[in-house]
Amino acid sequence: MNVSSCMKRNVVSVSASTTVREAAAIFVKKHIGLLPVVDKNDKPIGVIGIRDLLKLEMPDFVNFVMDVDFVHDFGAVEDTRPPAVTLKKNGQVDDAPGHYCG
């Protein structure tokens, strides 16, 4: 598979003279997180990401977020600890080590 099969084709770009406010507005309006920066001949000269803009205004927050491990699939979060109690079919309740407790 080539990248051409999954790349974005209608790419929004900005010039190097675009203001931070204008770039932020494009991120919000277009629901994107990365903008190519082009010169006057539309040749790519760099990229700016939403994280770059956030880091300008909130560097401590961005650094904190970078240190946090995020769960990529929030629907698949499961607690792997054993349950505190187990309810058996006969109605008996055992605590985690298997002791009868009621």
PDB file of N, CA and C in Angstrom:
ATOM      1  N   MET A   1       0.852  -1.173   0.000  1.00  0.00           N
ATOM      2  CA  MET A   1       0.000   0.000   0.000  1.00  0.00           C
ATOM      3  C   MET A   1       0.900   1.238   0.000  1.00  0.00           C
ATOM      4  N   ASN A   2       0.535   2.213  -0.792  1.00  0.00           N
ATOM      5  CA  ASN A   2       1.254   3.490  -0.851  1.00  0.00           C
ATOM      6  C   ASN A   2       0.521   4.544  -0.040  1.00  0.00           C
ATOM      7  N   VAL A   3       1.252   5.564   0.375  1.00  0.00           N
ATOM      8  CA  VAL A   3       0.615   6.641   1.138  1.00  0.00           C
ATOM      9  C   VAL A   3      -0.448   7.363   0.325  1.00  0.00           C
ATOM     10  N   SER A   4      -0.348   7.312  -0.986  1.00  0.00           N
ATOM     11  CA  SER A   4      -1.345   7.981  -1.822  1.00  0.00           C
ATOM     12  C   SER A   4      -2.738   7.401  -1.628  1.00  0.00           C
ATOM     13  N   SER A   5      -2.817   6.167  -1.145  1.00  0.00           N
ATOM     14  CA  SER A   5      -4.128   5.552  -0.950  1.00  0.00           C
ATOM     15  C   SER A   5      -4.818   6.030   0.327  1.00  0.00           C
ATOM     16  N   CYS A   6      -4.093   6.698   1.212  1.00  0.00           N
ATOM     17  CA  CYS A   6      -4.725   7.144   2.455  1.00  0.00           C
ATOM     18  C   CYS A   6      -4.439   8.612   2.787  1.00  0.00           C
ATOM     19  N   MET A   7      -3.785   9.330   1.884  1.00  0.00           N
ATOM     20  CA  MET A   7      -3.439  10.728   2.173  1.00  0.00           C
ATOM     21  C   MET A   7      -4.641  11.651   1.973  1.00  0.00           C
ATOM     22  N   LYS A   8      -4.580  12.798   2.600  1.00  0.00           N
ATOM     23  CA  LYS A   8      -5.583  13.839   2.377  1.00  0.00           C
ATOM     24  C   LYS A   8      -5.290  14.500   1.041  1.00  0.00           C
ATOM     25  N   ARG A   9      -6.323  14.746   0.266  1.00  0.00           N
ATOM     26  CA  ARG A   9      -6.115  15.325  -1.063  1.00  0.00           C
ATOM     27  C   ARG A   9      -6.456  16.811  -1.125  1.00  0.00           C
ATOM     28  N   ASN A  10      -7.415  17.257  -0.357  1.00  0.00           N
ATOM     29  CA  ASN A  10      -7.799  18.667  -0.337  1.00  0.00           C
ATOM     30  C   ASN A  10      -7.115  19.344   0.843  1.00  0.00           C
ATOM     31  N   VAL A  11      -5.824  19.603   0.676  1.00  0.00           N
ATOM     32  CA  VAL A  11      -5.007  20.099   1.776  1.00  0.00           C
ATOM     33  C   VAL A  11      -5.140  21.613   1.887  1.00  0.00           C
ATOM     34  N   VAL A  12      -5.355  22.066   3.117  1.00  0.00           N
ATOM     35  CA  VAL A  12      -5.385  23.494   3.423  1.00  0.00           C
ATOM     36  C   VAL A  12      -3.983  23.874   3.855  1.00  0.00           C
ATOM     37  N   SER A  13      -3.468  24.975   3.326  1.00  0.00           N
ATOM     38  CA  SER A  13      -2.135  25.436   3.713  1.00  0.00           C
ATOM     39  C   SER A  13      -2.191  26.908   4.067  1.00  0.00           C
ATOM     40  N   VAL A  14      -1.121  27.379   4.694  1.00  0.00           N
ATOM     41  CA  VAL A  14      -1.002  28.788   5.064  1.00  0.00           C
ATOM     42  C   VAL A  14       0.347  29.295   4.607  1.00  0.00           C
ATOM     43  N   SER A  15       0.455  30.606   4.491  1.00  0.00           N
ATOM     44  CA  SER A  15       1.746  31.217   4.158  1.00  0.00           C
ATOM     45  C   SER A  15       2.501  31.504   5.449  1.00  0.00           C
ATOM     46  N   ALA A  16       3.775  31.771   5.313  1.00  0.00           N
ATOM     47  CA  ALA A  16       4.604  32.069   6.483  1.00  0.00           C
ATOM     48  C   ALA A  16       4.162  33.355   7.169  1.00  0.00           C
ATOM     49  N   SER A  17       3.452  34.203   6.456  1.00  0.00           N
ATOM     50  CA  SER A  17       3.001  35.471   7.050  1.00  0.00           C
ATOM     51  C   SER A  17       1.637  35.366   7.734  1.00  0.00           C
ATOM     52  N   THR A  18       1.030  34.187   7.708  1.00  0.00           N
ATOM     53  CA  THR A  18      -0.252  33.977   8.381  1.00  0.00           C
ATOM     54  C   THR A  18      -0.062  34.185   9.880  1.00  0.00           C
ATOM     55  N   THR A  19      -0.990  34.893  10.505  1.00  0.00           N
ATOM     56  CA  THR A  19      -0.873  35.124  11.950  1.00  0.00           C
ATOM     57  C   THR A  19      -1.273  33.874  12.720  1.00  0.00           C
ATOM     58  N   VAL A  20      -0.832  33.827  13.956  1.00  0.00           N
ATOM     59  CA  VAL A  20      -1.185  32.716  14.833  1.00  0.00           C
ATOM     60  C   VAL A  20      -2.695  32.653  15.004  1.00  0.00           C
ATOM     61  N   ARG A  21      -3.337  33.798  15.143  1.00  0.00           N
ATOM     62  CA  ARG A  21      -4.795  33.849  15.286  1.00  0.00           C
ATOM     63  C   ARG A  21      -5.492  33.282  14.052  1.00  0.00           C
ATOM     64  N   GLU A  22      -5.000  33.644  12.865  1.00  0.00           N
ATOM     65  CA  GLU A  22      -5.593  33.131  11.626  1.00  0.00           C
ATOM     66  C   GLU A  22      -5.402  31.616  11.525  1.00  0.00           C
ATOM     67  N   ALA A  23      -4.216  31.130  11.872  1.00  0.00           N
ATOM     68  CA  ALA A  23      -3.954  29.688  11.826  1.00  0.00           C
ATOM     69  C   ALA A  23      -4.871  28.956  12.800  1.00  0.00           C
ATOM     70  N   ALA A  24      -5.029  29.502  14.006  1.00  0.00           N
ATOM     71  CA  ALA A  24      -5.900  28.883  15.006  1.00  0.00           C
ATOM     72  C   ALA A  24      -7.333  28.806  14.491  1.00  0.00           C
ATOM     73  N   ALA A  25      -7.779  29.850  13.828  1.00  0.00           N
ATOM     74  CA  ALA A  25      -9.141  29.860  13.281  1.00  0.00           C
ATOM     75  C   ALA A  25      -9.305  28.778  12.208  1.00  0.00           C
ATOM     76  N   ILE A  26      -8.268  28.561  11.413  1.00  0.00           N
ATOM     77  CA  ILE A  26      -8.332  27.521  10.377  1.00  0.00           C
ATOM     78  C   ILE A  26      -8.392  26.140  11.021  1.00  0.00           C
ATOM     79  N   PHE A  27      -7.586  25.911  12.058  1.00  0.00           N
ATOM     80  CA  PHE A  27      -7.625  24.628  12.762  1.00  0.00           C
ATOM     81  C   PHE A  27      -9.039  24.323  13.248  1.00  0.00           C
ATOM     82  N   VAL A  28      -9.675  25.320  13.837  1.00  0.00           N
ATOM     83  CA  VAL A  28     -11.017  25.125  14.385  1.00  0.00           C
ATOM     84  C   VAL A  28     -12.040  24.948  13.271  1.00  0.00           C
ATOM     85  N   LYS A  29     -12.007  25.816  12.287  1.00  0.00           N
ATOM     86  CA  LYS A  29     -13.006  25.784  11.212  1.00  0.00           C
ATOM     87  C   LYS A  29     -12.921  24.506  10.377  1.00  0.00           C
ATOM     88  N   LYS A  30     -11.713  24.056  10.094  1.00  0.00           N
ATOM     89  CA  LYS A  30     -11.523  22.896   9.215  1.00  0.00           C
ATOM     90  C   LYS A  30     -11.400  21.569   9.971  1.00  0.00           C
ATOM     91  N   HIS A  31     -11.389  21.642  11.313  1.00  0.00           N
ATOM     92  CA  HIS A  31     -11.261  20.435  12.144  1.00  0.00           C
ATOM     93  C   HIS A  31     -10.003  19.641  11.783  1.00  0.00           C
ATOM     94  N   ILE A  32      -8.889  20.351  11.729  1.00  0.00           N
ATOM     95  CA  ILE A  32      -7.609  19.726  11.395  1.00  0.00           C
ATOM     96  C   ILE A  32      -6.605  20.000  12.502  1.00  0.00           C
ATOM     97  N   GLY A  33      -5.503  19.296  12.482  1.00  0.00           N
ATOM     98  CA  GLY A  33      -4.495  19.469  13.519  1.00  0.00           C
ATOM     99  C   GLY A  33      -3.126  19.836  12.992  1.00  0.00           C
ATOM    100  N   LEU A  34      -2.989  19.900  11.652  1.00  0.00           N
ATOM    101  CA  LEU A  34      -1.698  20.185  11.051  1.00  0.00           C
ATOM    102  C   LEU A  34      -1.900  21.025   9.801  1.00  0.00           C
ATOM    103  N   LEU A  35      -1.078  22.060   9.651  1.00  0.00           N
ATOM    104  CA  LEU A  35      -1.152  22.929   8.475  1.00  0.00           C
ATOM    105  C   LEU A  35       0.211  23.011   7.802  1.00  0.00           C
ATOM    106  N   PRO A  36       0.290  22.681   6.520  1.00  0.00           N
ATOM    107  CA  PRO A  36       1.529  22.938   5.797  1.00  0.00           C
ATOM    108  C   PRO A  36       1.716  24.450   5.634  1.00  0.00           C
ATOM    109  N   VAL A  37       2.944  24.891   5.729  1.00  0.00           N
ATOM    110  CA  VAL A  37       3.278  26.298   5.501  1.00  0.00           C
ATOM    111  C   VAL A  37       3.998  26.363   4.158  1.00  0.00           C
ATOM    112  N   VAL A  38       3.517  27.238   3.273  1.00  0.00           N
ATOM    113  CA  VAL A  38       4.075  27.324   1.921  1.00  0.00           C
ATOM    114  C   VAL A  38       4.628  28.713   1.651  1.00  0.00           C
ATOM    115  N   ASP A  39       5.583  28.782   0.696  1.00  0.00           N
ATOM    116  CA  ASP A  39       6.130  30.077   0.301  1.00  0.00           C
ATOM    117  C   ASP A  39       5.241  30.709  -0.776  1.00  0.00           C
ATOM    118  N   LYS A  40       5.688  31.820  -1.360  1.00  0.00           N
ATOM    119  CA  LYS A  40       4.860  32.529  -2.344  1.00  0.00           C
ATOM    120  C   LYS A  40       4.628  31.725  -3.620  1.00  0.00           C
ATOM    121  N   ASN A  41       5.444  30.677  -3.850  1.00  0.00           N
ATOM    122  CA  ASN A  41       5.260  29.796  -5.013  1.00  0.00           C
ATOM    123  C   ASN A  41       4.513  28.517  -4.647  1.00  0.00           C
ATOM    124  N   ASP A  42       3.886  28.500  -3.478  1.00  0.00           N
ATOM    125  CA  ASP A  42       3.165  27.340  -2.948  1.00  0.00           C
ATOM    126  C   ASP A  42       4.071  26.128  -2.716  1.00  0.00           C
ATOM    127  N   LYS A  43       5.359  26.379  -2.531  1.00  0.00           N
ATOM    128  CA  LYS A  43       6.298  25.302  -2.208  1.00  0.00           C
ATOM    129  C   LYS A  43       6.305  25.112  -0.693  1.00  0.00           C
ATOM    130  N   PRO A  44       6.141  23.874  -0.223  1.00  0.00           N
ATOM    131  CA  PRO A  44       6.141  23.637   1.230  1.00  0.00           C
ATOM    132  C   PRO A  44       7.475  24.040   1.861  1.00  0.00           C
ATOM    133  N   ILE A  45       7.374  24.799   2.958  1.00  0.00           N
ATOM    134  CA  ILE A  45       8.579  25.209   3.680  1.00  0.00           C
ATOM    135  C   ILE A  45       8.543  24.759   5.134  1.00  0.00           C
ATOM    136  N   GLY A  46       7.429  24.179   5.556  1.00  0.00           N
ATOM    137  CA  GLY A  46       7.312  23.696   6.922  1.00  0.00           C
ATOM    138  C   GLY A  46       5.889  23.296   7.238  1.00  0.00           C
ATOM    139  N   VAL A  47       5.679  22.933   8.488  1.00  0.00           N
ATOM    140  CA  VAL A  47       4.335  22.610   8.967  1.00  0.00           C
ATOM    141  C   VAL A  47       4.165  23.217  10.351  1.00  0.00           C
ATOM    142  N   ILE A  48       2.928  23.493  10.695  1.00  0.00           N
ATOM    143  CA  ILE A  48       2.604  23.942  12.049  1.00  0.00           C
ATOM    144  C   ILE A  48       1.423  23.107  12.530  1.00  0.00           C
ATOM    145  N   GLY A  49       1.530  22.654  13.749  1.00  0.00           N
ATOM    146  CA  GLY A  49       0.466  21.848  14.330  1.00  0.00           C
ATOM    147  C   GLY A  49      -0.275  22.614  15.405  1.00  0.00           C
ATOM    148  N   ILE A  50      -1.453  22.138  15.713  1.00  0.00           N
ATOM    149  CA  ILE A  50      -2.241  22.784  16.753  1.00  0.00           C
ATOM    150  C   ILE A  50      -1.490  22.760  18.079  1.00  0.00           C
ATOM    151  N   ARG A  51      -0.705  21.699  18.308  1.00  0.00           N
ATOM    152  CA  ARG A  51       0.101  21.617  19.526  1.00  0.00           C
ATOM    153  C   ARG A  51       1.120  22.754  19.587  1.00  0.00           C
ATOM    154  N   ASP A  52       1.671  23.117  18.425  1.00  0.00           N
ATOM    155  CA  ASP A  52       2.626  24.228  18.376  1.00  0.00           C
ATOM    156  C   ASP A  52       1.967  25.528  18.828  1.00  0.00           C
ATOM    157  N   LEU A  53       0.733  25.739  18.378  1.00  0.00           N
ATOM    158  CA  LEU A  53       0.021  26.959  18.771  1.00  0.00           C
ATOM    159  C   LEU A  53      -0.326  26.938  20.252  1.00  0.00           C
ATOM    160  N   LEU A  54      -0.771  25.789  20.729  1.00  0.00           N
ATOM    161  CA  LEU A  54      -1.094  25.676  22.148  1.00  0.00           C
ATOM    162  C   LEU A  54       0.144  25.898  23.008  1.00  0.00           C
ATOM    163  N   LYS A  55       1.281  25.407  22.534  1.00  0.00           N
ATOM    164  CA  LYS A  55       2.517  25.547  23.300  1.00  0.00           C
ATOM    165  C   LYS A  55       2.925  27.015  23.428  1.00  0.00           C
ATOM    166  N   LEU A  56       2.566  27.829  22.446  1.00  0.00           N
ATOM    167  CA  LEU A  56       2.852  29.264  22.528  1.00  0.00           C
ATOM    168  C   LEU A  56       2.092  29.915  23.683  1.00  0.00           C
ATOM    169  N   GLU A  57       0.846  29.520  23.858  1.00  0.00           N
ATOM    170  CA  GLU A  57      -0.018  30.137  24.858  1.00  0.00           C
ATOM    171  C   GLU A  57      -0.030  29.408  26.194  1.00  0.00           C
ATOM    172  N   MET A  58       0.124  28.078  26.153  1.00  0.00           N
ATOM    173  CA  MET A  58       0.010  27.273  27.378  1.00  0.00           C
ATOM    174  C   MET A  58       1.121  26.222  27.441  1.00  0.00           C
ATOM    175  N   PRO A  59       2.385  26.637  27.510  1.00  0.00           N
ATOM    176  CA  PRO A  59       3.475  25.659  27.467  1.00  0.00           C
ATOM    177  C   PRO A  59       3.434  24.645  28.608  1.00  0.00           C
ATOM    178  N   ASP A  60       3.074  25.064  29.807  1.00  0.00           N
ATOM    179  CA  ASP A  60       3.031  24.126  30.932  1.00  0.00           C
ATOM    180  C   ASP A  60       1.964  23.064  30.726  1.00  0.00           C
ATOM    181  N   PHE A  61       0.817  23.459  30.211  1.00  0.00           N
ATOM    182  CA  PHE A  61      -0.266  22.507  29.957  1.00  0.00           C
ATOM    183  C   PHE A  61       0.149  21.498  28.896  1.00  0.00           C
ATOM    184  N   VAL A  62       0.733  21.962  27.813  1.00  0.00           N
ATOM    185  CA  VAL A  62       1.135  21.060  26.732  1.00  0.00           C
ATOM    186  C   VAL A  62       2.204  20.091  27.230  1.00  0.00           C
ATOM    187  N   ASN A  63       3.146  20.572  28.007  1.00  0.00           N
ATOM    188  CA  ASN A  63       4.176  19.682  28.550  1.00  0.00           C
ATOM    189  C   ASN A  63       3.555  18.638  29.468  1.00  0.00           C
ATOM    190  N   PHE A  64       2.562  19.032  30.253  1.00  0.00           N
ATOM    191  CA  PHE A  64       1.868  18.091  31.124  1.00  0.00           C
ATOM    192  C   PHE A  64       1.155  17.023  30.304  1.00  0.00           C
ATOM    193  N   VAL A  65       0.429  17.446  29.290  1.00  0.00           N
ATOM    194  CA  VAL A  65      -0.325  16.521  28.452  1.00  0.00           C
ATOM    195  C   VAL A  65       0.615  15.544  27.747  1.00  0.00           C
ATOM    196  N   MET A  66       1.784  16.010  27.348  1.00  0.00           N
ATOM    197  CA  MET A  66       2.740  15.134  26.671  1.00  0.00           C
ATOM    198  C   MET A  66       3.242  14.031  27.605  1.00  0.00           C
ATOM    199  N   ASP A  67       3.199  14.281  28.914  1.00  0.00           N
ATOM    200  CA  ASP A  67       3.670  13.299  29.886  1.00  0.00           C
ATOM    201  C   ASP A  67       2.594  12.303  30.303  1.00  0.00           C
ATOM    202  N   VAL A  68       1.352  12.545  29.924  1.00  0.00           N
ATOM    203  CA  VAL A  68       0.242  11.687  30.328  1.00  0.00           C
ATOM    204  C   VAL A  68       0.039  10.602  29.279  1.00  0.00           C
ATOM    205  N   ASP A  69      -0.142   9.383  29.720  1.00  0.00           N
ATOM    206  CA  ASP A  69      -0.444   8.289  28.804  1.00  0.00           C
ATOM    207  C   ASP A  69      -1.943   8.279  28.544  1.00  0.00           C
ATOM    208  N   PHE A  70      -2.322   8.462  27.307  1.00  0.00           N
ATOM    209  CA  PHE A  70      -3.725   8.452  26.945  1.00  0.00           C
ATOM    210  C   PHE A  70      -4.113   7.084  26.420  1.00  0.00           C
ATOM    211  N   VAL A  71      -5.358   6.715  26.640  1.00  0.00           N
ATOM    212  CA  VAL A  71      -5.893   5.476  26.097  1.00  0.00           C
ATOM    213  C   VAL A  71      -6.421   5.815  24.711  1.00  0.00           C
ATOM    214  N   HIS A  72      -5.915   5.117  23.692  1.00  0.00           N
ATOM    215  CA  HIS A  72      -6.280   5.448  22.322  1.00  0.00           C
ATOM    216  C   HIS A  72      -7.700   5.025  21.966  1.00  0.00           C
ATOM    217  N   ASP A  73      -8.187   3.956  22.564  1.00  0.00           N
ATOM    218  CA  ASP A  73      -9.536   3.482  22.279  1.00  0.00           C
ATOM    219  C   ASP A  73     -10.316   3.482  23.589  1.00  0.00           C
ATOM    220  N   PHE A  74     -10.996   4.591  23.858  1.00  0.00           N
ATOM    221  CA  PHE A  74     -11.679   4.739  25.138  1.00  0.00           C
ATOM    222  C   PHE A  74     -12.731   3.668  25.371  1.00  0.00           C
ATOM    223  N   GLY A  75     -13.249   3.063  24.302  1.00  0.00           N
ATOM    224  CA  GLY A  75     -14.252   2.030  24.454  1.00  0.00           C
ATOM    225  C   GLY A  75     -13.685   0.712  24.952  1.00  0.00           C
ATOM    226  N   ALA A  76     -12.382   0.549  24.898  1.00  0.00           N
ATOM    227  CA  ALA A  76     -11.775  -0.729  25.261  1.00  0.00           C
ATOM    228  C   ALA A  76     -11.138  -0.713  26.646  1.00  0.00           C
ATOM    229  N   VAL A  77     -11.419   0.301  27.427  1.00  0.00           N
ATOM    230  CA  VAL A  77     -10.818   0.386  28.760  1.00  0.00           C
ATOM    231  C   VAL A  77     -11.504  -0.619  29.673  1.00  0.00           C
ATOM    232  N   GLU A  78     -10.722  -1.494  30.259  1.00  0.00           N
ATOM    233  CA  GLU A  78     -11.264  -2.477  31.188  1.00  0.00           C
ATOM    234  C   GLU A  78     -10.375  -2.529  32.413  1.00  0.00           C
ATOM    235  N   ASP A  79     -10.975  -2.740  33.544  1.00  0.00           N
ATOM    236  CA  ASP A  79     -10.230  -2.883  34.781  1.00  0.00           C
ATOM    237  C   ASP A  79      -9.749  -4.318  34.869  1.00  0.00           C
ATOM    238  N   THR A  80      -8.443  -4.503  34.974  1.00  0.00           N
ATOM    239  CA  THR A  80      -7.890  -5.860  35.001  1.00  0.00           C
ATOM    240  C   THR A  80      -7.701  -6.378  36.412  1.00  0.00           C
ATOM    241  N   ARG A  81      -8.059  -5.581  37.410  1.00  0.00           N
ATOM    242  CA  ARG A  81      -7.968  -6.061  38.792  1.00  0.00           C
ATOM    243  C   ARG A  81      -9.096  -7.033  39.076  1.00  0.00           C
ATOM    244  N   PRO A  82      -8.850  -8.006  39.965  1.00  0.00           N
ATOM    245  CA  PRO A  82      -9.940  -8.921  40.321  1.00  0.00           C
ATOM    246  C   PRO A  82     -11.029  -8.176  41.082  1.00  0.00           C
ATOM    247  N   PRO A  83     -12.258  -8.619  40.991  1.00  0.00           N
ATOM    248  CA  PRO A  83     -13.337  -7.942  41.710  1.00  0.00           C
ATOM    249  C   PRO A  83     -13.144  -8.069  43.216  1.00  0.00           C
ATOM    250  N   ALA A  84     -13.664  -7.095  43.943  1.00  0.00           N
ATOM    251  CA  ALA A  84     -13.557  -7.113  45.404  1.00  0.00           C
ATOM    252  C   ALA A  84     -14.367  -8.261  45.991  1.00  0.00           C
ATOM    253  N   VAL A  85     -15.509  -8.573  45.378  1.00  0.00           N
ATOM    254  CA  VAL A  85     -16.328  -9.703  45.820  1.00  0.00           C
ATOM    255  C   VAL A  85     -16.833 -10.453  44.603  1.00  0.00           C
ATOM    256  N   THR A  86     -17.204 -11.703  44.809  1.00  0.00           N
ATOM    257  CA  THR A  86     -17.757 -12.530  43.746  1.00  0.00           C
ATOM    258  C   THR A  86     -19.114 -13.045  44.195  1.00  0.00           C
ATOM    259  N   LEU A  87     -20.109 -12.858  43.363  1.00  0.00           N
ATOM    260  CA  LEU A  87     -21.446 -13.384  43.647  1.00  0.00           C
ATOM    261  C   LEU A  87     -21.591 -14.703  42.902  1.00  0.00           C
ATOM    262  N   LYS A  88     -21.767 -15.774  43.641  1.00  0.00           N
ATOM    263  CA  LYS A  88     -21.895 -17.099  43.037  1.00  0.00           C
ATOM    264  C   LYS A  88     -23.341 -17.364  42.666  1.00  0.00           C
ATOM    265  N   LYS A  89     -23.563 -18.378  41.831  1.00  0.00           N
ATOM    266  CA  LYS A  89     -24.906 -18.702  41.352  1.00  0.00           C
ATOM    267  C   LYS A  89     -25.859 -19.035  42.490  1.00  0.00           C
ATOM    268  N   ASN A  90     -25.357 -19.618  43.553  1.00  0.00           N
ATOM    269  CA  ASN A  90     -26.213 -19.991  44.675  1.00  0.00           C
ATOM    270  C   ASN A  90     -26.506 -18.806  45.603  1.00  0.00           C
ATOM    271  N   GLY A  91     -26.023 -17.623  45.236  1.00  0.00           N
ATOM    272  CA  GLY A  91     -26.259 -16.447  46.048  1.00  0.00           C
ATOM    273  C   GLY A  91     -25.179 -16.181  47.073  1.00  0.00           C
ATOM    274  N   GLN A  92     -24.231 -17.097  47.185  1.00  0.00           N
ATOM    275  CA  GLN A  92     -23.139 -16.915  48.142  1.00  0.00           C
ATOM    276  C   GLN A  92     -22.222 -15.805  47.652  1.00  0.00           C
ATOM    277  N   VAL A  93     -21.728 -14.973  48.567  1.00  0.00           N
ATOM    278  CA  VAL A  93     -20.819 -13.894  48.243  1.00  0.00           C
ATOM    279  C   VAL A  93     -19.463 -14.215  48.846  1.00  0.00           C
ATOM    280  N   ASP A  94     -18.428 -14.266  48.004  1.00  0.00           N
ATOM    281  CA  ASP A  94     -17.066 -14.511  48.470  1.00  0.00           C
ATOM    282  C   ASP A  94     -16.254 -13.243  48.266  1.00  0.00           C
ATOM    283  N   ASP A  95     -15.294 -13.002  49.180  1.00  0.00           N
ATOM    284  CA  ASP A  95     -14.391 -11.875  48.947  1.00  0.00           C
ATOM    285  C   ASP A  95     -13.311 -12.315  47.957  1.00  0.00           C
ATOM    286  N   ALA A  96     -12.423 -11.424  47.552  1.00  0.00           N
ATOM    287  CA  ALA A  96     -11.440 -11.709  46.514  1.00  0.00           C
ATOM    288  C   ALA A  96     -10.623 -12.971  46.765  1.00  0.00           C
ATOM    289  N   PRO A  97     -10.139 -13.249  48.004  1.00  0.00           N
ATOM    290  CA  PRO A  97      -9.365 -14.480  48.187  1.00  0.00           C
ATOM    291  C   PRO A  97     -10.211 -15.738  48.177  1.00  0.00           C
ATOM    292  N   GLY A  98     -11.548 -15.636  48.111  1.00  0.00           N
ATOM    293  CA  GLY A  98     -12.401 -16.810  48.047  1.00  0.00           C
ATOM    294  C   GLY A  98     -13.013 -17.189  49.384  1.00  0.00           C
ATOM    295  N   HIS A  99     -12.919 -16.335  50.358  1.00  0.00           N
ATOM    296  CA  HIS A  99     -13.526 -16.599  51.671  1.00  0.00           C
ATOM    297  C   HIS A  99     -14.995 -16.244  51.644  1.00  0.00           C
ATOM    298  N   TYR A 100     -15.799 -17.111  52.220  1.00  0.00           N
ATOM    299  CA  TYR A 100     -17.229 -16.840  52.314  1.00  0.00           C
ATOM    300  C   TYR A 100     -17.440 -15.608  53.177  1.00  0.00           C
ATOM    301  N   CYS A 101     -18.252 -14.693  52.693  1.00  0.00           N
ATOM    302  CA  CYS A 101     -18.505 -13.495  53.495  1.00  0.00           C
ATOM    303  C   CYS A 101     -19.996 -13.152  53.538  1.00  0.00           C
ATOM    304  N   GLY A 102     -20.868 -14.050  53.154  1.00  0.00           N
ATOM    305  CA  GLY A 102     -22.289 -13.785  53.297  1.00  0.00           C
ATOM    306  C   GLY A 102     -23.144 -14.278  52.201  1.00  0.00           C
TER     307      GLY A 102
END
